[in-house]
PDB file of N, CA and C in Angstrom:
ATOM      1  N   MET A   1       5.428  15.314 -29.644  1.00  0.00           N
ATOM      2  CA  MET A   1       5.640  13.929 -29.296  1.00  0.00           C
ATOM      3  C   MET A   1       4.614  13.090 -30.050  1.00  0.00           C
ATOM      4  N   THR A   2       5.058  11.992 -30.623  1.00  0.00           N
ATOM      5  CA  THR A   2       4.155  11.151 -31.401  1.00  0.00           C
ATOM      6  C   THR A   2       3.443  10.161 -30.501  1.00  0.00           C
ATOM      7  N   GLU A   3       2.264   9.786 -30.958  1.00  0.00           N
ATOM      8  CA  GLU A   3       1.465   8.830 -30.193  1.00  0.00           C
ATOM      9  C   GLU A   3       1.949   7.419 -30.486  1.00  0.00           C
ATOM     10  N   MET A   4       1.892   6.576 -29.476  1.00  0.00           N
ATOM     11  CA  MET A   4       2.309   5.194 -29.606  1.00  0.00           C
ATOM     12  C   MET A   4       1.285   4.434 -30.457  1.00  0.00           C
ATOM     13  N   PRO A   5       1.742   3.622 -31.423  1.00  0.00           N
ATOM     14  CA  PRO A   5       0.793   2.853 -32.235  1.00  0.00           C
ATOM     15  C   PRO A   5      -0.036   1.881 -31.391  1.00  0.00           C
ATOM     16  N   PHE A   6      -1.202   1.516 -31.912  1.00  0.00           N
ATOM     17  CA  PHE A   6      -2.125   0.650 -31.185  1.00  0.00           C
ATOM     18  C   PHE A   6      -1.482  -0.673 -30.798  1.00  0.00           C
ATOM     19  N   PHE A   7      -0.749  -1.302 -31.722  1.00  0.00           N
ATOM     20  CA  PHE A   7      -0.178  -2.619 -31.405  1.00  0.00           C
ATOM     21  C   PHE A   7       0.829  -2.536 -30.267  1.00  0.00           C
ATOM     22  N   GLN A   8       1.570  -1.440 -30.165  1.00  0.00           N
ATOM     23  CA  GLN A   8       2.503  -1.289 -29.052  1.00  0.00           C
ATOM     24  C   GLN A   8       1.748  -1.129 -27.735  1.00  0.00           C
ATOM     25  N   ARG A   9       0.667  -0.350 -27.750  1.00  0.00           N
ATOM     26  CA  ARG A   9      -0.151  -0.208 -26.549  1.00  0.00           C
ATOM     27  C   ARG A   9      -0.755  -1.541 -26.145  1.00  0.00           C
ATOM     28  N   ALA A  10      -1.227  -2.293 -27.131  1.00  0.00           N
ATOM     29  CA  ALA A  10      -1.831  -3.611 -26.854  1.00  0.00           C
ATOM     30  C   ALA A  10      -0.800  -4.569 -26.265  1.00  0.00           C
ATOM     31  N   ILE A  11       0.406  -4.554 -26.785  1.00  0.00           N
ATOM     32  CA  ILE A  11       1.470  -5.421 -26.266  1.00  0.00           C
ATOM     33  C   ILE A  11       1.808  -5.044 -24.827  1.00  0.00           C
ATOM     34  N   ILE A  12       1.928  -3.760 -24.543  1.00  0.00           N
ATOM     35  CA  ILE A  12       2.257  -3.310 -23.182  1.00  0.00           C
ATOM     36  C   ILE A  12       1.148  -3.701 -22.212  1.00  0.00           C
ATOM     37  N   ILE A  13      -0.099  -3.496 -22.609  1.00  0.00           N
ATOM     38  CA  ILE A  13      -1.220  -3.881 -21.749  1.00  0.00           C
ATOM     39  C   ILE A  13      -1.234  -5.388 -21.532  1.00  0.00           C
ATOM     40  N   GLY A  14      -0.972  -6.157 -22.587  1.00  0.00           N
ATOM     41  CA  GLY A  14      -0.927  -7.620 -22.461  1.00  0.00           C
ATOM     42  C   GLY A  14       0.173  -8.087 -21.524  1.00  0.00           C
ATOM     43  N   ILE A  15       1.352  -7.487 -21.619  1.00  0.00           N
ATOM     44  CA  ILE A  15       2.462  -7.853 -20.734  1.00  0.00           C
ATOM     45  C   ILE A  15       2.134  -7.502 -19.287  1.00  0.00           C
ATOM     46  N   CYS A  16       1.551  -6.330 -19.066  1.00  0.00           N
ATOM     47  CA  CYS A  16       1.163  -5.938 -17.699  1.00  0.00           C
ATOM     48  C   CYS A  16       0.107  -6.884 -17.138  1.00  0.00           C
ATOM     49  N   ALA A  17      -0.869  -7.243 -17.958  1.00  0.00           N
ATOM     50  CA  ALA A  17      -1.914  -8.168 -17.506  1.00  0.00           C
ATOM     51  C   ALA A  17      -1.326  -9.545 -17.206  1.00  0.00           C
ATOM     52  N   ALA A  18      -0.432 -10.023 -18.068  1.00  0.00           N
ATOM     53  CA  ALA A  18       0.188 -11.335 -17.839  1.00  0.00           C
ATOM     54  C   ALA A  18       1.030 -11.323 -16.568  1.00  0.00           C
ATOM     55  N   GLY A  19       1.768 -10.246 -16.346  1.00  0.00           N
ATOM     56  CA  GLY A  19       2.568 -10.147 -15.124  1.00  0.00           C
ATOM     57  C   GLY A  19       1.706 -10.123 -13.880  1.00  0.00           C
ATOM     58  N   THR A  20       0.603  -9.395 -13.945  1.00  0.00           N
ATOM     59  CA  THR A  20      -0.313  -9.335 -12.802  1.00  0.00           C
ATOM     60  C   THR A  20      -0.927 -10.703 -12.535  1.00  0.00           C
ATOM     61  N   LEU A  21      -1.408 -11.369 -13.593  1.00  0.00           N
ATOM     62  CA  LEU A  21      -2.007 -12.697 -13.423  1.00  0.00           C
ATOM     63  C   LEU A  21      -0.985 -13.707 -12.896  1.00  0.00           C
ATOM     64  N   LEU A  22       0.241 -13.618 -13.403  1.00  0.00           N
ATOM     65  CA  LEU A  22       1.285 -14.542 -12.940  1.00  0.00           C
ATOM     66  C   LEU A  22       1.546 -14.379 -11.450  1.00  0.00           C
ATOM     67  N   THR A  23       1.642 -13.137 -10.980  1.00  0.00           N
ATOM     68  CA  THR A  23       1.897 -12.933  -9.553  1.00  0.00           C
ATOM     69  C   THR A  23       0.707 -13.350  -8.697  1.00  0.00           C
ATOM     70  N   ARG A  24      -0.499 -13.344  -9.259  1.00  0.00           N
ATOM     71  CA  ARG A  24      -1.680 -13.757  -8.497  1.00  0.00           C
ATOM     72  C   ARG A  24      -1.817 -15.273  -8.438  1.00  0.00           C
ATOM     73  N   PHE A  25      -1.524 -15.958  -9.550  1.00  0.00           N
ATOM     74  CA  PHE A  25      -1.748 -17.405  -9.613  1.00  0.00           C
ATOM     75  C   PHE A  25      -0.539 -18.242  -9.222  1.00  0.00           C
ATOM     76  N   LEU A  26       0.652 -17.681  -9.318  1.00  0.00           N
ATOM     77  CA  LEU A  26       1.875 -18.439  -9.043  1.00  0.00           C
ATOM     78  C   LEU A  26       1.908 -19.060  -7.644  1.00  0.00           C
ATOM     79  N   PRO A  27       1.522 -18.357  -6.596  1.00  0.00           N
ATOM     80  CA  PRO A  27       1.542 -18.995  -5.273  1.00  0.00           C
ATOM     81  C   PRO A  27       0.633 -20.225  -5.191  1.00  0.00           C
ATOM     82  N   PHE A  28      -0.508 -20.182  -5.879  1.00  0.00           N
ATOM     83  CA  PHE A  28      -1.411 -21.331  -5.852  1.00  0.00           C
ATOM     84  C   PHE A  28      -0.856 -22.500  -6.663  1.00  0.00           C
ATOM     85  N   ILE A  29      -0.060 -22.197  -7.668  1.00  0.00           N
ATOM     86  CA  ILE A  29       0.559 -23.252  -8.462  1.00  0.00           C
ATOM     87  C   ILE A  29       1.720 -23.864  -7.689  1.00  0.00           C
ATOM     88  N   ILE A  30       2.536 -23.031  -7.066  1.00  0.00           N
ATOM     89  CA  ILE A  30       3.717 -23.527  -6.345  1.00  0.00           C
ATOM     90  C   ILE A  30       3.320 -24.251  -5.062  1.00  0.00           C
ATOM     91  N   PHE A  31       2.413 -23.674  -4.297  1.00  0.00           N
ATOM     92  CA  PHE A  31       2.032 -24.241  -3.004  1.00  0.00           C
ATOM     93  C   PHE A  31       0.647 -24.875  -3.106  1.00  0.00           C
ATOM     94  N   ARG A  32       0.622 -26.065  -3.592  1.00  0.00           N
ATOM     95  CA  ARG A  32      -0.642 -26.796  -3.733  1.00  0.00           C
ATOM     96  C   ARG A  32      -1.192 -27.126  -2.346  1.00  0.00           C
ATOM     97  N   SER A  33      -2.495 -27.334  -2.278  1.00  0.00           N
ATOM     98  CA  SER A  33      -3.121 -27.615  -0.981  1.00  0.00           C
ATOM     99  C   SER A  33      -2.745 -28.985  -0.439  1.00  0.00           C
ATOM    100  N   SER A  34      -2.229 -29.870  -1.296  1.00  0.00           N
ATOM    101  CA  SER A  34      -1.853 -31.204  -0.824  1.00  0.00           C
ATOM    102  C   SER A  34      -0.544 -31.198  -0.035  1.00  0.00           C
ATOM    103  N   LYS A  35       0.288 -30.172  -0.242  1.00  0.00           N
ATOM    104  CA  LYS A  35       1.567 -30.088   0.470  1.00  0.00           C
ATOM    105  C   LYS A  35       1.482 -29.013   1.554  1.00  0.00           C
ATOM    106  N   PRO A  36       2.193 -29.191   2.664  1.00  0.00           N
ATOM    107  CA  PRO A  36       2.217 -28.127   3.681  1.00  0.00           C
ATOM    108  C   PRO A  36       3.051 -26.941   3.201  1.00  0.00           C
ATOM    109  N   VAL A  37       2.626 -25.749   3.593  1.00  0.00           N
ATOM    110  CA  VAL A  37       3.350 -24.532   3.222  1.00  0.00           C
ATOM    111  C   VAL A  37       4.619 -24.449   4.068  1.00  0.00           C
ATOM    112  N   PRO A  38       5.776 -24.176   3.442  1.00  0.00           N
ATOM    113  CA  PRO A  38       7.023 -24.074   4.210  1.00  0.00           C
ATOM    114  C   PRO A  38       6.924 -23.011   5.311  1.00  0.00           C
ATOM    115  N   GLU A  39       7.660 -23.245   6.380  1.00  0.00           N
ATOM    116  CA  GLU A  39       7.621 -22.362   7.545  1.00  0.00           C
ATOM    117  C   GLU A  39       8.039 -20.934   7.206  1.00  0.00           C
ATOM    118  N   TYR A  40       9.071 -20.770   6.374  1.00  0.00           N
ATOM    119  CA  TYR A  40       9.531 -19.413   6.047  1.00  0.00           C
ATOM    120  C   TYR A  40       8.495 -18.651   5.227  1.00  0.00           C
ATOM    121  N   ILE A  41       7.706 -19.329   4.444  1.00  0.00           N
ATOM    122  CA  ILE A  41       6.639 -18.659   3.690  1.00  0.00           C
ATOM    123  C   ILE A  41       5.542 -18.198   4.648  1.00  0.00           C
ATOM    124  N   ARG A  42       5.205 -19.016   5.638  1.00  0.00           N
ATOM    125  CA  ARG A  42       4.216 -18.591   6.640  1.00  0.00           C
ATOM    126  C   ARG A  42       4.737 -17.405   7.435  1.00  0.00           C
ATOM    127  N   TYR A  43       6.043 -17.416   7.758  1.00  0.00           N
ATOM    128  CA  TYR A  43       6.645 -16.287   8.467  1.00  0.00           C
ATOM    129  C   TYR A  43       6.541 -15.015   7.631  1.00  0.00           C
ATOM    130  N   LEU A  44       6.870 -15.108   6.338  1.00  0.00           N
ATOM    131  CA  LEU A  44       6.770 -13.941   5.467  1.00  0.00           C
ATOM    132  C   LEU A  44       5.336 -13.441   5.372  1.00  0.00           C
ATOM    133  N   GLY A  45       4.373 -14.341   5.356  1.00  0.00           N
ATOM    134  CA  GLY A  45       2.972 -13.954   5.310  1.00  0.00           C
ATOM    135  C   GLY A  45       2.548 -13.176   6.539  1.00  0.00           C
ATOM    136  N   LYS A  46       3.202 -13.450   7.667  1.00  0.00           N
ATOM    137  CA  LYS A  46       2.881 -12.719   8.900  1.00  0.00           C
ATOM    138  C   LYS A  46       3.687 -11.426   9.024  1.00  0.00           C
ATOM    139  N   ALA A  47       4.934 -11.437   8.583  1.00  0.00           N
ATOM    140  CA  ALA A  47       5.828 -10.300   8.809  1.00  0.00           C
ATOM    141  C   ALA A  47       5.750  -9.227   7.720  1.00  0.00           C
ATOM    142  N   LEU A  48       5.551  -9.610   6.478  1.00  0.00           N
ATOM    143  CA  LEU A  48       5.629  -8.643   5.388  1.00  0.00           C
ATOM    144  C   LEU A  48       4.544  -7.563   5.400  1.00  0.00           C
ATOM    145  N   PRO A  49       3.285  -7.869   5.721  1.00  0.00           N
ATOM    146  CA  PRO A  49       2.304  -6.772   5.704  1.00  0.00           C
ATOM    147  C   PRO A  49       2.686  -5.621   6.628  1.00  0.00           C
ATOM    148  N   SER A  50       3.144  -5.906   7.824  1.00  0.00           N
ATOM    149  CA  SER A  50       3.557  -4.843   8.741  1.00  0.00           C
ATOM    150  C   SER A  50       4.799  -4.132   8.238  1.00  0.00           C
ATOM    151  N   ALA A  51       5.733  -4.877   7.673  1.00  0.00           N
ATOM    152  CA  ALA A  51       6.959  -4.267   7.157  1.00  0.00           C
ATOM    153  C   ALA A  51       6.655  -3.347   5.978  1.00  0.00           C
ATOM    154  N   ILE A  52       5.768  -3.761   5.104  1.00  0.00           N
ATOM    155  CA  ILE A  52       5.406  -2.930   3.956  1.00  0.00           C
ATOM    156  C   ILE A  52       4.664  -1.685   4.423  1.00  0.00           C
ATOM    157  N   PHE A  53       3.788  -1.838   5.391  1.00  0.00           N
ATOM    158  CA  PHE A  53       3.065  -0.691   5.929  1.00  0.00           C
ATOM    159  C   PHE A  53       4.050   0.308   6.548  1.00  0.00           C
ATOM    160  N   ALA A  54       5.024  -0.179   7.299  1.00  0.00           N
ATOM    161  CA  ALA A  54       6.033   0.705   7.899  1.00  0.00           C
ATOM    162  C   ALA A  54       6.851   1.405   6.813  1.00  0.00           C
ATOM    163  N   MET A  55       7.180   0.682   5.748  1.00  0.00           N
ATOM    164  CA  MET A  55       7.938   1.279   4.654  1.00  0.00           C
ATOM    165  C   MET A  55       7.118   2.373   3.958  1.00  0.00           C
ATOM    166  N   LEU A  56       5.817   2.167   3.826  1.00  0.00           N
ATOM    167  CA  LEU A  56       4.963   3.189   3.239  1.00  0.00           C
ATOM    168  C   LEU A  56       4.901   4.437   4.111  1.00  0.00           C
ATOM    169  N   VAL A  57       4.876   4.262   5.411  1.00  0.00           N
ATOM    170  CA  VAL A  57       4.861   5.416   6.321  1.00  0.00           C
ATOM    171  C   VAL A  57       6.158   6.210   6.162  1.00  0.00           C
ATOM    172  N   VAL A  58       7.281   5.524   6.124  1.00  0.00           N
ATOM    173  CA  VAL A  58       8.566   6.208   5.950  1.00  0.00           C
ATOM    174  C   VAL A  58       8.596   6.936   4.610  1.00  0.00           C
ATOM    175  N   TYR A  59       8.098   6.285   3.555  1.00  0.00           N
ATOM    176  CA  TYR A  59       8.079   6.907   2.231  1.00  0.00           C
ATOM    177  C   TYR A  59       7.201   8.155   2.227  1.00  0.00           C
ATOM    178  N   CYS A  60       6.063   8.089   2.886  1.00  0.00           N
ATOM    179  CA  CYS A  60       5.157   9.238   2.921  1.00  0.00           C
ATOM    180  C   CYS A  60       5.729  10.400   3.719  1.00  0.00           C
ATOM    181  N   LEU A  61       6.567  10.121   4.688  1.00  0.00           N
ATOM    182  CA  LEU A  61       7.123  11.177   5.534  1.00  0.00           C
ATOM    183  C   LEU A  61       8.470  11.698   5.054  1.00  0.00           C
ATOM    184  N   LYS A  62       9.021  11.140   3.981  1.00  0.00           N
ATOM    185  CA  LYS A  62      10.371  11.518   3.567  1.00  0.00           C
ATOM    186  C   LYS A  62      10.485  12.973   3.139  1.00  0.00           C
ATOM    187  N   GLY A  63       9.411  13.560   2.650  1.00  0.00           N
ATOM    188  CA  GLY A  63       9.477  14.937   2.196  1.00  0.00           C
ATOM    189  C   GLY A  63       8.932  15.955   3.181  1.00  0.00           C
ATOM    190  N   VAL A  64       8.589  15.517   4.377  1.00  0.00           N
ATOM    191  CA  VAL A  64       8.007  16.424   5.362  1.00  0.00           C
ATOM    192  C   VAL A  64       9.112  17.234   6.026  1.00  0.00           C
ATOM    193  N   ASN A  65       8.932  18.544   6.030  1.00  0.00           N
ATOM    194  CA  ASN A  65       9.881  19.433   6.689  1.00  0.00           C
ATOM    195  C   ASN A  65       9.178  20.016   7.917  1.00  0.00           C
ATOM    196  N   ILE A  66       9.614  19.603   9.091  1.00  0.00           N
ATOM    197  CA  ILE A  66       8.943  20.065  10.311  1.00  0.00           C
ATOM    198  C   ILE A  66       9.273  21.512  10.647  1.00  0.00           C
ATOM    199  N   PHE A  67      10.214  22.107   9.913  1.00  0.00           N
ATOM    200  CA  PHE A  67      10.603  23.488  10.169  1.00  0.00           C
ATOM    201  C   PHE A  67       9.986  24.477   9.180  1.00  0.00           C
ATOM    202  N   ALA A  68       9.147  23.998   8.254  1.00  0.00           N
ATOM    203  CA  ALA A  68       8.549  24.890   7.254  1.00  0.00           C
ATOM    204  C   ALA A  68       7.135  24.426   6.922  1.00  0.00           C
ATOM    205  N   GLY A  69       6.372  25.298   6.300  1.00  0.00           N
ATOM    206  CA  GLY A  69       5.026  24.958   5.843  1.00  0.00           C
ATOM    207  C   GLY A  69       4.096  24.616   6.990  1.00  0.00           C
ATOM    208  N   THR A  70       3.452  23.482   6.887  1.00  0.00           N
ATOM    209  CA  THR A  70       2.508  23.054   7.922  1.00  0.00           C
ATOM    210  C   THR A  70       3.203  22.306   9.052  1.00  0.00           C
ATOM    211  N   HIS A  71       4.509  22.189   8.983  1.00  0.00           N
ATOM    212  CA  HIS A  71       5.335  21.541  10.008  1.00  0.00           C
ATOM    213  C   HIS A  71       5.009  20.057  10.178  1.00  0.00           C
ATOM    214  N   GLY A  72       4.398  19.447   9.164  1.00  0.00           N
ATOM    215  CA  GLY A  72       4.098  18.021   9.227  1.00  0.00           C
ATOM    216  C   GLY A  72       2.883  17.679  10.076  1.00  0.00           C
ATOM    217  N   ILE A  73       2.129  18.684  10.496  1.00  0.00           N
ATOM    218  CA  ILE A  73       0.965  18.431  11.366  1.00  0.00           C
ATOM    219  C   ILE A  73      -0.083  17.565  10.676  1.00  0.00           C
ATOM    220  N   PRO A  74      -0.480  17.844   9.409  1.00  0.00           N
ATOM    221  CA  PRO A  74      -1.482  16.979   8.781  1.00  0.00           C
ATOM    222  C   PRO A  74      -1.012  15.537   8.632  1.00  0.00           C
ATOM    223  N   GLU A  75       0.270  15.365   8.338  1.00  0.00           N
ATOM    224  CA  GLU A  75       0.808  14.024   8.174  1.00  0.00           C
ATOM    225  C   GLU A  75       0.752  13.243   9.488  1.00  0.00           C
ATOM    226  N   PHE A  76       1.155  13.906  10.558  1.00  0.00           N
ATOM    227  CA  PHE A  76       1.168  13.200  11.842  1.00  0.00           C
ATOM    228  C   PHE A  76      -0.238  12.964  12.380  1.00  0.00           C
ATOM    229  N   ILE A  77      -1.172  13.866  12.103  1.00  0.00           N
ATOM    230  CA  ILE A  77      -2.569  13.620  12.483  1.00  0.00           C
ATOM    231  C   ILE A  77      -3.116  12.456  11.669  1.00  0.00           C
ATOM    232  N   GLY A  78      -2.780  12.406  10.388  1.00  0.00           N
ATOM    233  CA  GLY A  78      -3.205  11.285   9.549  1.00  0.00           C
ATOM    234  C   GLY A  78      -2.667   9.961  10.034  1.00  0.00           C
ATOM    235  N   ILE A  79      -1.403   9.938  10.446  1.00  0.00           N
ATOM    236  CA  ILE A  79      -0.804   8.708  10.985  1.00  0.00           C
ATOM    237  C   ILE A  79      -1.481   8.316  12.290  1.00  0.00           C
ATOM    238  N   ALA A  80      -1.730   9.287  13.153  1.00  0.00           N
ATOM    239  CA  ALA A  80      -2.412   8.995  14.421  1.00  0.00           C
ATOM    240  C   ALA A  80      -3.820   8.468  14.165  1.00  0.00           C
ATOM    241  N   ALA A  81      -4.529   9.079  13.216  1.00  0.00           N
ATOM    242  CA  ALA A  81      -5.876   8.616  12.887  1.00  0.00           C
ATOM    243  C   ALA A  81      -5.842   7.195  12.332  1.00  0.00           C
ATOM    244  N   THR A  82      -4.869   6.914  11.471  1.00  0.00           N
ATOM    245  CA  THR A  82      -4.736   5.566  10.917  1.00  0.00           C
ATOM    246  C   THR A  82      -4.474   4.551  12.026  1.00  0.00           C
ATOM    247  N   THR A  83      -3.601   4.899  12.948  1.00  0.00           N
ATOM    248  CA  THR A  83      -3.289   4.003  14.062  1.00  0.00           C
ATOM    249  C   THR A  83      -4.517   3.765  14.939  1.00  0.00           C
ATOM    250  N   ILE A  84      -5.218   4.828  15.272  1.00  0.00           N
ATOM    251  CA  ILE A  84      -6.413   4.702  16.119  1.00  0.00           C
ATOM    252  C   ILE A  84      -7.487   3.888  15.417  1.00  0.00           C
ATOM    253  N   LEU A  85      -7.704   4.158  14.120  1.00  0.00           N
ATOM    254  CA  LEU A  85      -8.702   3.397  13.374  1.00  0.00           C
ATOM    255  C   LEU A  85      -8.323   1.921  13.273  1.00  0.00           C
ATOM    256  N   TYR A  86      -7.044   1.646  13.149  1.00  0.00           N
ATOM    257  CA  TYR A  86      -6.578   0.255  13.086  1.00  0.00           C
ATOM    258  C   TYR A  86      -6.897  -0.472  14.386  1.00  0.00           C
ATOM    259  N   ILE A  87      -6.679   0.196  15.503  1.00  0.00           N
ATOM    260  CA  ILE A  87      -6.955  -0.420  16.808  1.00  0.00           C
ATOM    261  C   ILE A  87      -8.458  -0.565  17.025  1.00  0.00           C
ATOM    262  N   ILE A  88      -9.215   0.489  16.717  1.00  0.00           N
ATOM    263  CA  ILE A  88     -10.663   0.466  16.933  1.00  0.00           C
ATOM    264  C   ILE A  88     -11.350  -0.557  16.029  1.00  0.00           C
ATOM    265  N   SER A  89     -10.893  -0.665  14.783  1.00  0.00           N
ATOM    266  CA  SER A  89     -11.550  -1.549  13.821  1.00  0.00           C
ATOM    267  C   SER A  89     -11.111  -3.006  13.949  1.00  0.00           C
ATOM    268  N   LYS A  90     -10.460  -3.321  15.041  1.00  0.00           N
ATOM    269  CA  LYS A  90      -9.997  -4.693  15.299  1.00  0.00           C
ATOM    270  C   LYS A  90      -9.049  -5.181  14.204  1.00  0.00           C
ATOM    271  N   LYS A  91      -8.049  -4.356  13.910  1.00  0.00           N
ATOM    272  CA  LYS A  91      -6.969  -4.644  12.980  1.00  0.00           C
ATOM    273  C   LYS A  91      -7.430  -4.807  11.535  1.00  0.00           C
ATOM    274  N   ASN A  92      -8.413  -4.000  11.122  1.00  0.00           N
ATOM    275  CA  ASN A  92      -8.852  -3.980   9.732  1.00  0.00           C
ATOM    276  C   ASN A  92      -8.026  -2.925   8.996  1.00  0.00           C
ATOM    277  N   MET A  93      -7.061  -3.378   8.225  1.00  0.00           N
ATOM    278  CA  MET A  93      -6.115  -2.496   7.555  1.00  0.00           C
ATOM    279  C   MET A  93      -6.800  -1.587   6.537  1.00  0.00           C
ATOM    280  N   MET A  94      -7.818  -2.090   5.834  1.00  0.00           N
ATOM    281  CA  MET A  94      -8.489  -1.290   4.816  1.00  0.00           C
ATOM    282  C   MET A  94      -9.213  -0.087   5.426  1.00  0.00           C
ATOM    283  N   ILE A  95      -9.910  -0.314   6.532  1.00  0.00           N
ATOM    284  CA  ILE A  95     -10.609   0.788   7.203  1.00  0.00           C
ATOM    285  C   ILE A  95      -9.595   1.808   7.715  1.00  0.00           C
ATOM    286  N   ALA A  96      -8.509   1.323   8.282  1.00  0.00           N
ATOM    287  CA  ALA A  96      -7.491   2.228   8.829  1.00  0.00           C
ATOM    288  C   ALA A  96      -6.861   3.077   7.733  1.00  0.00           C
ATOM    289  N   ILE A  97      -6.480   2.465   6.634  1.00  0.00           N
ATOM    290  CA  ILE A  97      -5.833   3.204   5.552  1.00  0.00           C
ATOM    291  C   ILE A  97      -6.805   4.188   4.911  1.00  0.00           C
ATOM    292  N   ALA A  98      -8.022   3.725   4.621  1.00  0.00           N
ATOM    293  CA  ALA A  98      -9.007   4.605   3.985  1.00  0.00           C
ATOM    294  C   ALA A  98      -9.366   5.776   4.902  1.00  0.00           C
ATOM    295  N   GLY A  99      -9.595   5.505   6.169  1.00  0.00           N
ATOM    296  CA  GLY A  99      -9.949   6.566   7.106  1.00  0.00           C
ATOM    297  C   GLY A  99      -8.819   7.545   7.330  1.00  0.00           C
ATOM    298  N   GLY A 100      -7.616   7.044   7.527  1.00  0.00           N
ATOM    299  CA  GLY A 100      -6.459   7.919   7.724  1.00  0.00           C
ATOM    300  C   GLY A 100      -6.183   8.778   6.505  1.00  0.00           C
ATOM    301  N   THR A 101      -6.322   8.187   5.321  1.00  0.00           N
ATOM    302  CA  THR A 101      -6.124   8.946   4.087  1.00  0.00           C
ATOM    303  C   THR A 101      -7.188  10.025   3.948  1.00  0.00           C
ATOM    304  N   ALA A 102      -8.431   9.683   4.244  1.00  0.00           N
ATOM    305  CA  ALA A 102      -9.519  10.665   4.147  1.00  0.00           C
ATOM    306  C   ALA A 102      -9.295  11.830   5.110  1.00  0.00           C
ATOM    307  N   ILE A 103      -8.905  11.524   6.327  1.00  0.00           N
ATOM    308  CA  ILE A 103      -8.653  12.581   7.309  1.00  0.00           C
ATOM    309  C   ILE A 103      -7.482  13.463   6.862  1.00  0.00           C
ATOM    310  N   TYR A 104      -6.431  12.853   6.369  1.00  0.00           N
ATOM    311  CA  TYR A 104      -5.284  13.621   5.873  1.00  0.00           C
ATOM    312  C   TYR A 104      -5.696  14.529   4.720  1.00  0.00           C
ATOM    313  N   MET A 105      -6.463  14.002   3.767  1.00  0.00           N
ATOM    314  CA  MET A 105      -6.875  14.794   2.614  1.00  0.00           C
ATOM    315  C   MET A 105      -7.783  15.945   3.021  1.00  0.00           C
ATOM    316  N   ILE A 106      -8.672  15.718   3.976  1.00  0.00           N
ATOM    317  CA  ILE A 106      -9.530  16.794   4.474  1.00  0.00           C
ATOM    318  C   ILE A 106      -8.681  17.877   5.127  1.00  0.00           C
ATOM    319  N   LEU A 107      -7.708  17.472   5.927  1.00  0.00           N
ATOM    320  CA  LEU A 107      -6.837  18.451   6.589  1.00  0.00           C
ATOM    321  C   LEU A 107      -6.058  19.272   5.571  1.00  0.00           C
ATOM    322  N   VAL A 108      -5.494  18.616   4.575  1.00  0.00           N
ATOM    323  CA  VAL A 108      -4.673  19.322   3.587  1.00  0.00           C
ATOM    324  C   VAL A 108      -5.523  20.242   2.709  1.00  0.00           C
ATOM    325  N   GLN A 109      -6.730  19.807   2.344  1.00  0.00           N
ATOM    326  CA  GLN A 109      -7.560  20.583   1.435  1.00  0.00           C
ATOM    327  C   GLN A 109      -8.294  21.741   2.115  1.00  0.00           C
ATOM    328  N   PHE A 110      -8.744  21.512   3.357  1.00  0.00           N
ATOM    329  CA  PHE A 110      -9.639  22.483   3.967  1.00  0.00           C
ATOM    330  C   PHE A 110      -9.104  23.164   5.230  1.00  0.00           C
ATOM    331  N   VAL A 111      -8.133  22.595   5.899  1.00  0.00           N
ATOM    332  CA  VAL A 111      -7.693  23.154   7.178  1.00  0.00           C
ATOM    333  C   VAL A 111      -6.340  23.838   7.031  1.00  0.00           C
ATOM    334  N   PHE A 112      -5.359  23.176   6.462  1.00  0.00           N
ATOM    335  CA  PHE A 112      -4.007  23.729   6.403  1.00  0.00           C
ATOM    336  C   PHE A 112      -3.722  24.344   5.055  1.00  0.00           C
TER     337      PHE A 112
END
């Protein structure tokens, strides 16, 4: 397989960077502080984080077979740990995700 030329790599990196910057700055351009934010946008800001988190849980569990291997025990302990950490940390999503992931990885690497 041949290596991609430098200019092609530079173009791809530039497009990815521009897309990332656009998604970061576009909300501030569209919703200026002088205008009130539409109600449906505020609703999405409240509803989407939980919906995305739930979708990630479903995605992570899609390959778990409770009838073979570890029977999904590390996954369910990781989910329980994430939930408990979320409640204990006063709804700090970063602590919950990092802690639950760490516990899951420890279980998979050293216990199961």
